[in-house]
Amino acid sequence: MATGNNQVVIENPVINSPFAEPQRHFRFSDEGITNEIVSQRRESAYNGESFFVRHAYFTGADEPYEKLKRALRADIDEAAWSSLYSTMNRPFDKPKTGKIAIKVINHYGDEVLKVFEV
């Protein structure tokens, strides 16, 4: 939806799964973002390297389940949540790049990222 000053307001910006490589993106024009969805991956601006979430775990304080539901404005399957509320990761295949990145974000929003060779 465009506003009077050609600014686009996107009601629901989440169009890809957080656990897979993006398959769609919003088209950009010379004026900025549009509300048109393109069914392909956007080219990376980072020399072909991108960070894709494969596993996410939520172990935070003060009702993390309720906070995530409010932040996403969606219901979350309780069985899926129970697999995410853990400090033990699930097995995964070795990436073709030979690298993995671990990103930790605490409930204050502080984050740390470290890349490991595997």
PDB file of N, CA and C in Angstrom:
ATOM      1  N   MET A   1       0.859  -1.167   0.000  1.00  0.00           N
ATOM      2  CA  MET A   1       0.000   0.000   0.000  1.00  0.00           C
ATOM      3  C   MET A   1       0.900   1.223   0.000  1.00  0.00           C
ATOM      4  N   ALA A   2       0.712   2.159  -0.925  1.00  0.00           N
ATOM      5  CA  ALA A   2       1.505   3.387  -0.991  1.00  0.00           C
ATOM      6  C   ALA A   2       0.771   4.500  -0.263  1.00  0.00           C
ATOM      7  N   THR A   3       1.520   5.372   0.389  1.00  0.00           N
ATOM      8  CA  THR A   3       0.935   6.519   1.064  1.00  0.00           C
ATOM      9  C   THR A   3       1.096   7.736   0.167  1.00  0.00           C
ATOM     10  N   GLY A   4       0.597   8.881   0.606  1.00  0.00           N
ATOM     11  CA  GLY A   4       0.626  10.089  -0.201  1.00  0.00           C
ATOM     12  C   GLY A   4       2.011  10.539  -0.618  1.00  0.00           C
ATOM     13  N   ASN A   5       3.036  10.254   0.148  1.00  0.00           N
ATOM     14  CA  ASN A   5       4.390  10.684  -0.198  1.00  0.00           C
ATOM     15  C   ASN A   5       5.197   9.552  -0.839  1.00  0.00           C
ATOM     16  N   ASN A   6       4.545   8.622  -1.507  1.00  0.00           N
ATOM     17  CA  ASN A   6       5.149   7.479  -2.198  1.00  0.00           C
ATOM     18  C   ASN A   6       5.884   6.522  -1.274  1.00  0.00           C
ATOM     19  N   GLN A   7       5.669   6.633   0.019  1.00  0.00           N
ATOM     20  CA  GLN A   7       6.275   5.705   0.958  1.00  0.00           C
ATOM     21  C   GLN A   7       5.393   4.465   1.040  1.00  0.00           C
ATOM     22  N   VAL A   8       6.005   3.303   0.990  1.00  0.00           N
ATOM     23  CA  VAL A   8       5.271   2.045   1.041  1.00  0.00           C
ATOM     24  C   VAL A   8       5.220   1.544   2.477  1.00  0.00           C
ATOM     25  N   VAL A   9       4.027   1.152   2.901  1.00  0.00           N
ATOM     26  CA  VAL A   9       3.849   0.544   4.214  1.00  0.00           C
ATOM     27  C   VAL A   9       3.471  -0.911   3.975  1.00  0.00           C
ATOM     28  N   ILE A  10       4.287  -1.829   4.490  1.00  0.00           N
ATOM     29  CA  ILE A  10       4.040  -3.254   4.307  1.00  0.00           C
ATOM     30  C   ILE A  10       3.471  -3.797   5.600  1.00  0.00           C
ATOM     31  N   GLU A  11       2.239  -4.279   5.528  1.00  0.00           N
ATOM     32  CA  GLU A  11       1.530  -4.735   6.722  1.00  0.00           C
ATOM     33  C   GLU A  11       2.188  -5.960   7.354  1.00  0.00           C
ATOM     34  N   ASN A  12       2.600  -6.937   6.545  1.00  0.00           N
ATOM     35  CA  ASN A  12       3.232  -8.146   7.069  1.00  0.00           C
ATOM     36  C   ASN A  12       4.528  -8.378   6.297  1.00  0.00           C
ATOM     37  N   PRO A  13       5.662  -7.920   6.843  1.00  0.00           N
ATOM     38  CA  PRO A  13       6.923  -8.022   6.100  1.00  0.00           C
ATOM     39  C   PRO A  13       7.546  -9.418   6.075  1.00  0.00           C
ATOM     40  N   VAL A  14       7.019 -10.372   6.844  1.00  0.00           N
ATOM     41  CA  VAL A  14       7.604 -11.711   6.880  1.00  0.00           C
ATOM     42  C   VAL A  14       7.015 -12.534   5.741  1.00  0.00           C
ATOM     43  N   ILE A  15       7.844 -12.836   4.734  1.00  0.00           N
ATOM     44  CA  ILE A  15       7.356 -13.597   3.581  1.00  0.00           C
ATOM     45  C   ILE A  15       8.146 -14.885   3.362  1.00  0.00           C
ATOM     46  N   ASN A  16       9.188 -15.112   4.165  1.00  0.00           N
ATOM     47  CA  ASN A  16       9.997 -16.322   4.051  1.00  0.00           C
ATOM     48  C   ASN A  16      10.072 -17.017   5.401  1.00  0.00           C
ATOM     49  N   SER A  17      10.376 -18.298   5.367  1.00  0.00           N
ATOM     50  CA  SER A  17      10.565 -19.055   6.604  1.00  0.00           C
ATOM     51  C   SER A  17      11.884 -18.653   7.244  1.00  0.00           C
ATOM     52  N   PRO A  18      11.924 -18.539   8.553  1.00  0.00           N
ATOM     53  CA  PRO A  18      13.206 -18.229   9.193  1.00  0.00           C
ATOM     54  C   PRO A  18      14.176 -19.406   9.194  1.00  0.00           C
ATOM     55  N   PHE A  19      13.731 -20.587   8.747  1.00  0.00           N
ATOM     56  CA  PHE A  19      14.563 -21.777   8.791  1.00  0.00           C
ATOM     57  C   PHE A  19      14.985 -22.278   7.414  1.00  0.00           C
ATOM     58  N   ALA A  20      14.824 -21.460   6.378  1.00  0.00           N
ATOM     59  CA  ALA A  20      15.224 -21.852   5.025  1.00  0.00           C
ATOM     60  C   ALA A  20      15.747 -20.630   4.292  1.00  0.00           C
ATOM     61  N   GLU A  21      16.478 -20.884   3.217  1.00  0.00           N
ATOM     62  CA  GLU A  21      16.963 -19.763   2.425  1.00  0.00           C
ATOM     63  C   GLU A  21      15.769 -19.030   1.822  1.00  0.00           C
ATOM     64  N   PRO A  22      15.860 -17.721   1.748  1.00  0.00           N
ATOM     65  CA  PRO A  22      14.728 -16.941   1.213  1.00  0.00           C
ATOM     66  C   PRO A  22      14.379 -17.356  -0.215  1.00  0.00           C
ATOM     67  N   GLN A  23      13.093 -17.441  -0.476  1.00  0.00           N
ATOM     68  CA  GLN A  23      12.599 -17.793  -1.806  1.00  0.00           C
ATOM     69  C   GLN A  23      11.869 -16.640  -2.474  1.00  0.00           C
ATOM     70  N   ARG A  24      11.582 -15.576  -1.708  1.00  0.00           N
ATOM     71  CA  ARG A  24      10.855 -14.427  -2.249  1.00  0.00           C
ATOM     72  C   ARG A  24      11.425 -13.163  -1.623  1.00  0.00           C
ATOM     73  N   HIS A  25      11.184 -12.033  -2.281  1.00  0.00           N
ATOM     74  CA  HIS A  25      11.582 -10.753  -1.700  1.00  0.00           C
ATOM     75  C   HIS A  25      10.708  -9.640  -2.261  1.00  0.00           C
ATOM     76  N   PHE A  26      10.695  -8.516  -1.548  1.00  0.00           N
ATOM     77  CA  PHE A  26       9.977  -7.353  -2.041  1.00  0.00           C
ATOM     78  C   PHE A  26      10.849  -6.644  -3.067  1.00  0.00           C
ATOM     79  N   ARG A  27      10.252  -6.241  -4.190  1.00  0.00           N
ATOM     80  CA  ARG A  27      10.986  -5.555  -5.249  1.00  0.00           C
ATOM     81  C   ARG A  27      11.327  -4.133  -4.803  1.00  0.00           C
ATOM     82  N   PHE A  28      12.525  -3.697  -5.144  1.00  0.00           N
ATOM     83  CA  PHE A  28      12.937  -2.318  -4.920  1.00  0.00           C
ATOM     84  C   PHE A  28      12.928  -1.584  -6.243  1.00  0.00           C
ATOM     85  N   SER A  29      12.499  -0.329  -6.214  1.00  0.00           N
ATOM     86  CA  SER A  29      12.557   0.524  -7.396  1.00  0.00           C
ATOM     87  C   SER A  29      13.516   1.669  -7.094  1.00  0.00           C
ATOM     88  N   ASP A  30      13.665   2.600  -8.021  1.00  0.00           N
ATOM     89  CA  ASP A  30      14.531   3.760  -7.782  1.00  0.00           C
ATOM     90  C   ASP A  30      14.040   4.593  -6.604  1.00  0.00           C
ATOM     91  N   GLU A  31      12.741   4.522  -6.314  1.00  0.00           N
ATOM     92  CA  GLU A  31      12.170   5.279  -5.193  1.00  0.00           C
ATOM     93  C   GLU A  31      12.243   4.530  -3.871  1.00  0.00           C
ATOM     94  N   GLY A  32      12.613   3.250  -3.887  1.00  0.00           N
ATOM     95  CA  GLY A  32      12.686   2.466  -2.664  1.00  0.00           C
ATOM     96  C   GLY A  32      11.904   1.171  -2.779  1.00  0.00           C
ATOM     97  N   ILE A  33      11.517   0.618  -1.637  1.00  0.00           N
ATOM     98  CA  ILE A  33      10.822  -0.668  -1.603  1.00  0.00           C
ATOM     99  C   ILE A  33       9.401  -0.529  -2.137  1.00  0.00           C
ATOM    100  N   THR A  34       8.936  -1.580  -2.823  1.00  0.00           N
ATOM    101  CA  THR A  34       7.553  -1.630  -3.295  1.00  0.00           C
ATOM    102  C   THR A  34       6.844  -2.740  -2.521  1.00  0.00           C
ATOM    103  N   ASN A  35       5.551  -2.865  -2.721  1.00  0.00           N
ATOM    104  CA  ASN A  35       4.835  -3.968  -2.071  1.00  0.00           C
ATOM    105  C   ASN A  35       4.682  -5.159  -3.006  1.00  0.00           C
ATOM    106  N   GLU A  36       5.412  -5.158  -4.129  1.00  0.00           N
ATOM    107  CA  GLU A  36       5.387  -6.274  -5.076  1.00  0.00           C
ATOM    108  C   GLU A  36       6.345  -7.370  -4.607  1.00  0.00           C
ATOM    109  N   ILE A  37       5.869  -8.602  -4.556  1.00  0.00           N
ATOM    110  CA  ILE A  37       6.688  -9.734  -4.132  1.00  0.00           C
ATOM    111  C   ILE A  37       7.233 -10.442  -5.364  1.00  0.00           C
ATOM    112  N   VAL A  38       8.543 -10.672  -5.366  1.00  0.00           N
ATOM    113  CA  VAL A  38       9.227 -11.361  -6.460  1.00  0.00           C
ATOM    114  C   VAL A  38       9.559 -12.770  -5.985  1.00  0.00           C
ATOM    115  N   SER A  39       9.215 -13.772  -6.788  1.00  0.00           N
ATOM    116  CA  SER A  39       9.430 -15.175  -6.402  1.00  0.00           C
ATOM    117  C   SER A  39      10.815 -15.652  -6.835  1.00  0.00           C
ATOM    118  N   GLN A  40      11.835 -15.129  -6.200  1.00  0.00           N
ATOM    119  CA  GLN A  40      13.211 -15.582  -6.375  1.00  0.00           C
ATOM    120  C   GLN A  40      14.048 -14.976  -5.270  1.00  0.00           C
ATOM    121  N   ARG A  41      15.239 -15.502  -5.093  1.00  0.00           N
ATOM    122  CA  ARG A  41      16.128 -14.948  -4.080  1.00  0.00           C
ATOM    123  C   ARG A  41      16.683 -13.617  -4.542  1.00  0.00           C
ATOM    124  N   ARG A  42      16.832 -12.688  -3.625  1.00  0.00           N
ATOM    125  CA  ARG A  42      17.485 -11.413  -3.909  1.00  0.00           C
ATOM    126  C   ARG A  42      18.989 -11.656  -3.935  1.00  0.00           C
ATOM    127  N   GLU A  43      19.695 -10.984  -4.840  1.00  0.00           N
ATOM    128  CA  GLU A  43      21.147 -11.124  -4.883  1.00  0.00           C
ATOM    129  C   GLU A  43      21.746 -10.566  -3.611  1.00  0.00           C
ATOM    130  N   SER A  44      22.781 -11.229  -3.126  1.00  0.00           N
ATOM    131  CA  SER A  44      23.437 -10.808  -1.902  1.00  0.00           C
ATOM    132  C   SER A  44      24.329  -9.605  -2.159  1.00  0.00           C
ATOM    133  N   ALA A  45      24.349  -8.690  -1.215  1.00  0.00           N
ATOM    134  CA  ALA A  45      25.249  -7.542  -1.291  1.00  0.00           C
ATOM    135  C   ALA A  45      26.528  -7.821  -0.515  1.00  0.00           C
ATOM    136  N   TYR A  46      26.726  -9.057  -0.085  1.00  0.00           N
ATOM    137  CA  TYR A  46      27.858  -9.415   0.770  1.00  0.00           C
ATOM    138  C   TYR A  46      28.740 -10.453   0.110  1.00  0.00           C
ATOM    139  N   ASN A  47      29.168 -10.212  -1.110  1.00  0.00           N
ATOM    140  CA  ASN A  47      30.085 -11.113  -1.823  1.00  0.00           C
ATOM    141  C   ASN A  47      29.592 -12.554  -1.845  1.00  0.00           C
ATOM    142  N   GLY A  48      28.296 -12.734  -1.971  1.00  0.00           N
ATOM    143  CA  GLY A  48      27.722 -14.062  -2.048  1.00  0.00           C
ATOM    144  C   GLY A  48      27.582 -14.773  -0.721  1.00  0.00           C
ATOM    145  N   GLU A  49      28.003 -14.158   0.384  1.00  0.00           N
ATOM    146  CA  GLU A  49      27.877 -14.784   1.686  1.00  0.00           C
ATOM    147  C   GLU A  49      26.705 -14.167   2.423  1.00  0.00           C
ATOM    148  N   SER A  50      25.840 -14.993   2.937  1.00  0.00           N
ATOM    149  CA  SER A  50      24.672 -14.521   3.670  1.00  0.00           C
ATOM    150  C   SER A  50      24.495 -15.369   4.916  1.00  0.00           C
ATOM    151  N   PHE A  51      23.825 -14.813   5.891  1.00  0.00           N
ATOM    152  CA  PHE A  51      23.531 -15.526   7.130  1.00  0.00           C
ATOM    153  C   PHE A  51      22.099 -16.021   7.047  1.00  0.00           C
ATOM    154  N   PHE A  52      21.917 -17.350   7.057  1.00  0.00           N
ATOM    155  CA  PHE A  52      20.589 -17.943   7.029  1.00  0.00           C
ATOM    156  C   PHE A  52      20.372 -18.704   8.325  1.00  0.00           C
ATOM    157  N   VAL A  53      19.285 -18.448   8.974  1.00  0.00           N
ATOM    158  CA  VAL A  53      18.984 -19.152  10.214  1.00  0.00           C
ATOM    159  C   VAL A  53      18.563 -20.573   9.868  1.00  0.00           C
ATOM    160  N   ARG A  54      19.264 -21.529  10.412  1.00  0.00           N
ATOM    161  CA  ARG A  54      18.930 -22.946  10.220  1.00  0.00           C
ATOM    162  C   ARG A  54      18.288 -23.509  11.488  1.00  0.00           C
ATOM    163  N   HIS A  55      18.780 -23.062  12.620  1.00  0.00           N
ATOM    164  CA  HIS A  55      18.241 -23.482  13.907  1.00  0.00           C
ATOM    165  C   HIS A  55      18.125 -22.237  14.763  1.00  0.00           C
ATOM    166  N   ALA A  56      17.074 -22.166  15.526  1.00  0.00           N
ATOM    167  CA  ALA A  56      16.892 -21.055  16.459  1.00  0.00           C
ATOM    168  C   ALA A  56      16.436 -21.641  17.787  1.00  0.00           C
ATOM    169  N   TYR A  57      16.982 -21.111  18.857  1.00  0.00           N
ATOM    170  CA  TYR A  57      16.631 -21.582  20.193  1.00  0.00           C
ATOM    171  C   TYR A  57      16.315 -20.368  21.045  1.00  0.00           C
ATOM    172  N   PHE A  58      15.302 -20.467  21.855  1.00  0.00           N
ATOM    173  CA  PHE A  58      14.852 -19.368  22.693  1.00  0.00           C
ATOM    174  C   PHE A  58      14.887 -19.825  24.143  1.00  0.00           C
ATOM    175  N   THR A  59      15.861 -19.325  24.880  1.00  0.00           N
ATOM    176  CA  THR A  59      16.008 -19.753  26.265  1.00  0.00           C
ATOM    177  C   THR A  59      15.911 -18.570  27.211  1.00  0.00           C
ATOM    178  N   GLY A  60      15.454 -17.443  26.718  1.00  0.00           N
ATOM    179  CA  GLY A  60      15.460 -16.197  27.476  1.00  0.00           C
ATOM    180  C   GLY A  60      14.613 -16.195  28.727  1.00  0.00           C
ATOM    181  N   ALA A  61      14.759 -15.114  29.456  1.00  0.00           N
ATOM    182  CA  ALA A  61      14.066 -14.931  30.728  1.00  0.00           C
ATOM    183  C   ALA A  61      12.697 -14.289  30.522  1.00  0.00           C
ATOM    184  N   ASP A  62      11.886 -14.334  31.573  1.00  0.00           N
ATOM    185  CA  ASP A  62      10.616 -13.587  31.611  1.00  0.00           C
ATOM    186  C   ASP A  62       9.653 -13.938  30.484  1.00  0.00           C
ATOM    187  N   GLU A  63       9.158 -15.150  30.482  1.00  0.00           N
ATOM    188  CA  GLU A  63       8.119 -15.604  29.548  1.00  0.00           C
ATOM    189  C   GLU A  63       8.526 -15.463  28.081  1.00  0.00           C
ATOM    190  N   PRO A  64       9.595 -16.121  27.621  1.00  0.00           N
ATOM    191  CA  PRO A  64      10.019 -15.962  26.228  1.00  0.00           C
ATOM    192  C   PRO A  64       8.967 -16.415  25.220  1.00  0.00           C
ATOM    193  N   TYR A  65       8.177 -17.448  25.559  1.00  0.00           N
ATOM    194  CA  TYR A  65       7.129 -17.938  24.651  1.00  0.00           C
ATOM    195  C   TYR A  65       6.099 -16.840  24.389  1.00  0.00           C
ATOM    196  N   GLU A  66       5.615 -16.223  25.444  1.00  0.00           N
ATOM    197  CA  GLU A  66       4.609 -15.162  25.299  1.00  0.00           C
ATOM    198  C   GLU A  66       5.196 -13.953  24.570  1.00  0.00           C
ATOM    199  N   LYS A  67       6.443 -13.590  24.875  1.00  0.00           N
ATOM    200  CA  LYS A  67       7.079 -12.448  24.218  1.00  0.00           C
ATOM    201  C   LYS A  67       7.246 -12.703  22.719  1.00  0.00           C
ATOM    202  N   LEU A  68       7.642 -13.924  22.350  1.00  0.00           N
ATOM    203  CA  LEU A  68       7.802 -14.248  20.929  1.00  0.00           C
ATOM    204  C   LEU A  68       6.459 -14.218  20.214  1.00  0.00           C
ATOM    205  N   LYS A  69       5.414 -14.757  20.832  1.00  0.00           N
ATOM    206  CA  LYS A  69       4.076 -14.717  20.237  1.00  0.00           C
ATOM    207  C   LYS A  69       3.638 -13.273  19.991  1.00  0.00           C
ATOM    208  N   ARG A  70       3.897 -12.394  20.980  1.00  0.00           N
ATOM    209  CA  ARG A  70       3.521 -10.978  20.796  1.00  0.00           C
ATOM    210  C   ARG A  70       4.351 -10.326  19.711  1.00  0.00           C
ATOM    211  N   ALA A  71       5.647 -10.599  19.690  1.00  0.00           N
ATOM    212  CA  ALA A  71       6.529  -9.984  18.690  1.00  0.00           C
ATOM    213  C   ALA A  71       6.158 -10.414  17.275  1.00  0.00           C
ATOM    214  N   LEU A  72       5.827 -11.705  17.099  1.00  0.00           N
ATOM    215  CA  LEU A  72       5.456 -12.215  15.777  1.00  0.00           C
ATOM    216  C   LEU A  72       3.994 -11.960  15.440  1.00  0.00           C
ATOM    217  N   ARG A  73       3.219 -11.603  16.460  1.00  0.00           N
ATOM    218  CA  ARG A  73       1.770 -11.426  16.293  1.00  0.00           C
ATOM    219  C   ARG A  73       1.141 -12.673  15.671  1.00  0.00           C
ATOM    220  N   ALA A  74       1.536 -13.818  16.242  1.00  0.00           N
ATOM    221  CA  ALA A  74       1.052 -15.090  15.708  1.00  0.00           C
ATOM    222  C   ALA A  74       1.045 -16.132  16.808  1.00  0.00           C
ATOM    223  N   ASP A  75       0.237 -17.164  16.598  1.00  0.00           N
ATOM    224  CA  ASP A  75       0.263 -18.302  17.501  1.00  0.00           C
ATOM    225  C   ASP A  75       1.437 -19.189  17.116  1.00  0.00           C
ATOM    226  N   ILE A  76       2.037 -19.812  18.095  1.00  0.00           N
ATOM    227  CA  ILE A  76       3.169 -20.699  17.865  1.00  0.00           C
ATOM    228  C   ILE A  76       2.784 -22.064  18.388  1.00  0.00           C
ATOM    229  N   ASP A  77       2.951 -23.084  17.572  1.00  0.00           N
ATOM    230  CA  ASP A  77       2.632 -24.443  17.964  1.00  0.00           C
ATOM    231  C   ASP A  77       3.462 -24.814  19.196  1.00  0.00           C
ATOM    232  N   GLU A  78       2.795 -25.291  20.242  1.00  0.00           N
ATOM    233  CA  GLU A  78       3.497 -25.567  21.494  1.00  0.00           C
ATOM    234  C   GLU A  78       4.511 -26.697  21.356  1.00  0.00           C
ATOM    235  N   ALA A  79       4.260 -27.668  20.485  1.00  0.00           N
ATOM    236  CA  ALA A  79       5.238 -28.739  20.260  1.00  0.00           C
ATOM    237  C   ALA A  79       6.482 -28.179  19.576  1.00  0.00           C
ATOM    238  N   ALA A  80       6.279 -27.296  18.618  1.00  0.00           N
ATOM    239  CA  ALA A  80       7.425 -26.652  17.957  1.00  0.00           C
ATOM    240  C   ALA A  80       8.190 -25.803  18.957  1.00  0.00           C
ATOM    241  N   TRP A  81       7.463 -25.069  19.797  1.00  0.00           N
ATOM    242  CA  TRP A  81       8.124 -24.233  20.804  1.00  0.00           C
ATOM    243  C   TRP A  81       8.990 -25.086  21.732  1.00  0.00           C
ATOM    244  N   SER A  82       8.485 -26.231  22.144  1.00  0.00           N
ATOM    245  CA  SER A  82       9.250 -27.049  23.091  1.00  0.00           C
ATOM    246  C   SER A  82      10.568 -27.509  22.480  1.00  0.00           C
ATOM    247  N   SER A  83      10.631 -27.659  21.158  1.00  0.00           N
ATOM    248  CA  SER A  83      11.894 -28.046  20.524  1.00  0.00           C
ATOM    249  C   SER A  83      12.842 -26.850  20.405  1.00  0.00           C
ATOM    250  N   LEU A  84      12.321 -25.637  20.505  1.00  0.00           N
ATOM    251  CA  LEU A  84      13.148 -24.435  20.407  1.00  0.00           C
ATOM    252  C   LEU A  84      13.622 -23.948  21.774  1.00  0.00           C
ATOM    253  N   TYR A  85      12.888 -24.301  22.825  1.00  0.00           N
ATOM    254  CA  TYR A  85      13.223 -23.844  24.170  1.00  0.00           C
ATOM    255  C   TYR A  85      14.246 -24.808  24.762  1.00  0.00           C
ATOM    256  N   SER A  86      15.481 -24.704  24.267  1.00  0.00           N
ATOM    257  CA  SER A  86      16.521 -25.661  24.628  1.00  0.00           C
ATOM    258  C   SER A  86      17.890 -25.016  24.467  1.00  0.00           C
ATOM    259  N   THR A  87      18.872 -25.583  25.136  1.00  0.00           N
ATOM    260  CA  THR A  87      20.248 -25.151  24.920  1.00  0.00           C
ATOM    261  C   THR A  87      21.042 -26.229  24.183  1.00  0.00           C
ATOM    262  N   MET A  88      20.376 -27.279  23.731  1.00  0.00           N
ATOM    263  CA  MET A  88      21.014 -28.347  22.956  1.00  0.00           C
ATOM    264  C   MET A  88      20.574 -28.232  21.503  1.00  0.00           C
ATOM    265  N   ASN A  89      21.544 -28.173  20.575  1.00  0.00           N
ATOM    266  CA  ASN A  89      21.169 -28.035  19.180  1.00  0.00           C
ATOM    267  C   ASN A  89      20.807 -29.379  18.558  1.00  0.00           C
ATOM    268  N   ARG A  90      20.075 -29.319  17.473  1.00  0.00           N
ATOM    269  CA  ARG A  90      19.708 -30.497  16.708  1.00  0.00           C
ATOM    270  C   ARG A  90      20.809 -30.781  15.679  1.00  0.00           C
ATOM    271  N   PRO A  91      20.990 -32.039  15.263  1.00  0.00           N
ATOM    272  CA  PRO A  91      22.017 -32.362  14.251  1.00  0.00           C
ATOM    273  C   PRO A  91      21.706 -31.662  12.926  1.00  0.00           C
ATOM    274  N   PHE A  92      22.751 -31.370  12.166  1.00  0.00           N
ATOM    275  CA  PHE A  92      22.576 -30.765  10.848  1.00  0.00           C
ATOM    276  C   PHE A  92      23.698 -31.213   9.935  1.00  0.00           C
ATOM    277  N   ASP A  93      23.442 -31.174   8.627  1.00  0.00           N
ATOM    278  CA  ASP A  93      24.458 -31.547   7.647  1.00  0.00           C
ATOM    279  C   ASP A  93      25.527 -30.474   7.563  1.00  0.00           C
ATOM    280  N   LYS A  94      26.749 -30.896   7.273  1.00  0.00           N
ATOM    281  CA  LYS A  94      27.847 -29.952   7.109  1.00  0.00           C
ATOM    282  C   LYS A  94      27.566 -29.072   5.892  1.00  0.00           C
ATOM    283  N   PRO A  95      27.649 -27.743   6.040  1.00  0.00           N
ATOM    284  CA  PRO A  95      27.374 -26.863   4.907  1.00  0.00           C
ATOM    285  C   PRO A  95      28.446 -26.976   3.821  1.00  0.00           C
ATOM    286  N   LYS A  96      28.065 -26.731   2.575  1.00  0.00           N
ATOM    287  CA  LYS A  96      28.992 -26.799   1.446  1.00  0.00           C
ATOM    288  C   LYS A  96      30.135 -25.806   1.599  1.00  0.00           C
ATOM    289  N   THR A  97      29.887 -24.708   2.277  1.00  0.00           N
ATOM    290  CA  THR A  97      30.918 -23.691   2.463  1.00  0.00           C
ATOM    291  C   THR A  97      31.992 -24.119   3.439  1.00  0.00           C
ATOM    292  N   GLY A  98      31.702 -25.119   4.272  1.00  0.00           N
ATOM    293  CA  GLY A  98      32.644 -25.544   5.282  1.00  0.00           C
ATOM    294  C   GLY A  98      32.684 -24.617   6.483  1.00  0.00           C
ATOM    295  N   LYS A  99      31.708 -23.726   6.583  1.00  0.00           N
ATOM    296  CA  LYS A  99      31.657 -22.775   7.688  1.00  0.00           C
ATOM    297  C   LYS A  99      30.256 -22.758   8.295  1.00  0.00           C
ATOM    298  N   ILE A 100      30.217 -22.489   9.590  1.00  0.00           N
ATOM    299  CA  ILE A 100      28.942 -22.214  10.249  1.00  0.00           C
ATOM    300  C   ILE A 100      29.112 -20.929  11.053  1.00  0.00           C
ATOM    301  N   ALA A 101      28.028 -20.247  11.271  1.00  0.00           N
ATOM    302  CA  ALA A 101      28.046 -19.045  12.105  1.00  0.00           C
ATOM    303  C   ALA A 101      27.099 -19.284  13.264  1.00  0.00           C
ATOM    304  N   ILE A 102      27.542 -18.908  14.441  1.00  0.00           N
ATOM    305  CA  ILE A 102      26.712 -18.997  15.635  1.00  0.00           C
ATOM    306  C   ILE A 102      26.434 -17.568  16.078  1.00  0.00           C
ATOM    307  N   LYS A 103      25.169 -17.241  16.212  1.00  0.00           N
ATOM    308  CA  LYS A 103      24.779 -15.908  16.655  1.00  0.00           C
ATOM    309  C   LYS A 103      23.955 -16.061  17.925  1.00  0.00           C
ATOM    310  N   VAL A 104      24.341 -15.344  18.948  1.00  0.00           N
ATOM    311  CA  VAL A 104      23.632 -15.378  20.223  1.00  0.00           C
ATOM    312  C   VAL A 104      23.106 -13.976  20.490  1.00  0.00           C
ATOM    313  N   ILE A 105      21.817 -13.904  20.790  1.00  0.00           N
ATOM    314  CA  ILE A 105      21.184 -12.629  21.120  1.00  0.00           C
ATOM    315  C   ILE A 105      20.503 -12.810  22.468  1.00  0.00           C
ATOM    316  N   ASN A 106      20.849 -11.966  23.420  1.00  0.00           N
ATOM    317  CA  ASN A 106      20.203 -12.097  24.721  1.00  0.00           C
ATOM    318  C   ASN A 106      18.893 -11.317  24.749  1.00  0.00           C
ATOM    319  N   HIS A 107      18.164 -11.433  25.848  1.00  0.00           N
ATOM    320  CA  HIS A 107      16.845 -10.810  25.916  1.00  0.00           C
ATOM    321  C   HIS A 107      16.916  -9.289  26.005  1.00  0.00           C
ATOM    322  N   TYR A 108      18.119  -8.719  26.086  1.00  0.00           N
ATOM    323  CA  TYR A 108      18.276  -7.263  26.036  1.00  0.00           C
ATOM    324  C   TYR A 108      18.557  -6.783  24.609  1.00  0.00           C
ATOM    325  N   GLY A 109      18.784  -7.723  23.690  1.00  0.00           N
ATOM    326  CA  GLY A 109      19.088  -7.368  22.314  1.00  0.00           C
ATOM    327  C   GLY A 109      20.579  -7.334  22.009  1.00  0.00           C
ATOM    328  N   ASP A 110      21.422  -7.603  23.013  1.00  0.00           N
ATOM    329  CA  ASP A 110      22.870  -7.669  22.771  1.00  0.00           C
ATOM    330  C   ASP A 110      23.152  -8.919  21.946  1.00  0.00           C
ATOM    331  N   GLU A 111      24.066  -8.812  20.975  1.00  0.00           N
ATOM    332  CA  GLU A 111      24.342  -9.977  20.153  1.00  0.00           C
ATOM    333  C   GLU A 111      25.830 -10.170  19.912  1.00  0.00           C
ATOM    334  N   VAL A 112      26.185 -11.433  19.677  1.00  0.00           N
ATOM    335  CA  VAL A 112      27.550 -11.834  19.358  1.00  0.00           C
ATOM    336  C   VAL A 112      27.456 -12.827  18.214  1.00  0.00           C
ATOM    337  N   LEU A 113      28.356 -12.705  17.231  1.00  0.00           N
ATOM    338  CA  LEU A 113      28.391 -13.618  16.091  1.00  0.00           C
ATOM    339  C   LEU A 113      29.806 -14.156  15.955  1.00  0.00           C
ATOM    340  N   LYS A 114      29.946 -15.461  15.770  1.00  0.00           N
ATOM    341  CA  LYS A 114      31.252 -16.066  15.556  1.00  0.00           C
ATOM    342  C   LYS A 114      31.126 -17.089  14.442  1.00  0.00           C
ATOM    343  N   VAL A 115      32.074 -17.076  13.507  1.00  0.00           N
ATOM    344  CA  VAL A 115      32.102 -18.011  12.389  1.00  0.00           C
ATOM    345  C   VAL A 115      33.137 -19.083  12.675  1.00  0.00           C
ATOM    346  N   PHE A 116      32.750 -20.350  12.450  1.00  0.00           N
ATOM    347  CA  PHE A 116      33.630 -21.485  12.694  1.00  0.00           C
ATOM    348  C   PHE A 116      33.825 -22.274  11.413  1.00  0.00           C
ATOM    349  N   GLU A 117      35.045 -22.768  11.172  1.00  0.00           N
ATOM    350  CA  GLU A 117      35.314 -23.729  10.102  1.00  0.00           C
ATOM    351  C   GLU A 117      34.871 -25.104  10.607  1.00  0.00           C
ATOM    352  N   VAL A 118      34.190 -25.884   9.781  1.00  0.00           N
ATOM    353  CA  VAL A 118      33.779 -27.234  10.194  1.00  0.00           C
ATOM    354  C   VAL A 118      34.283 -28.270   9.218  1.00  0.00           C
TER     355      VAL A 118
END
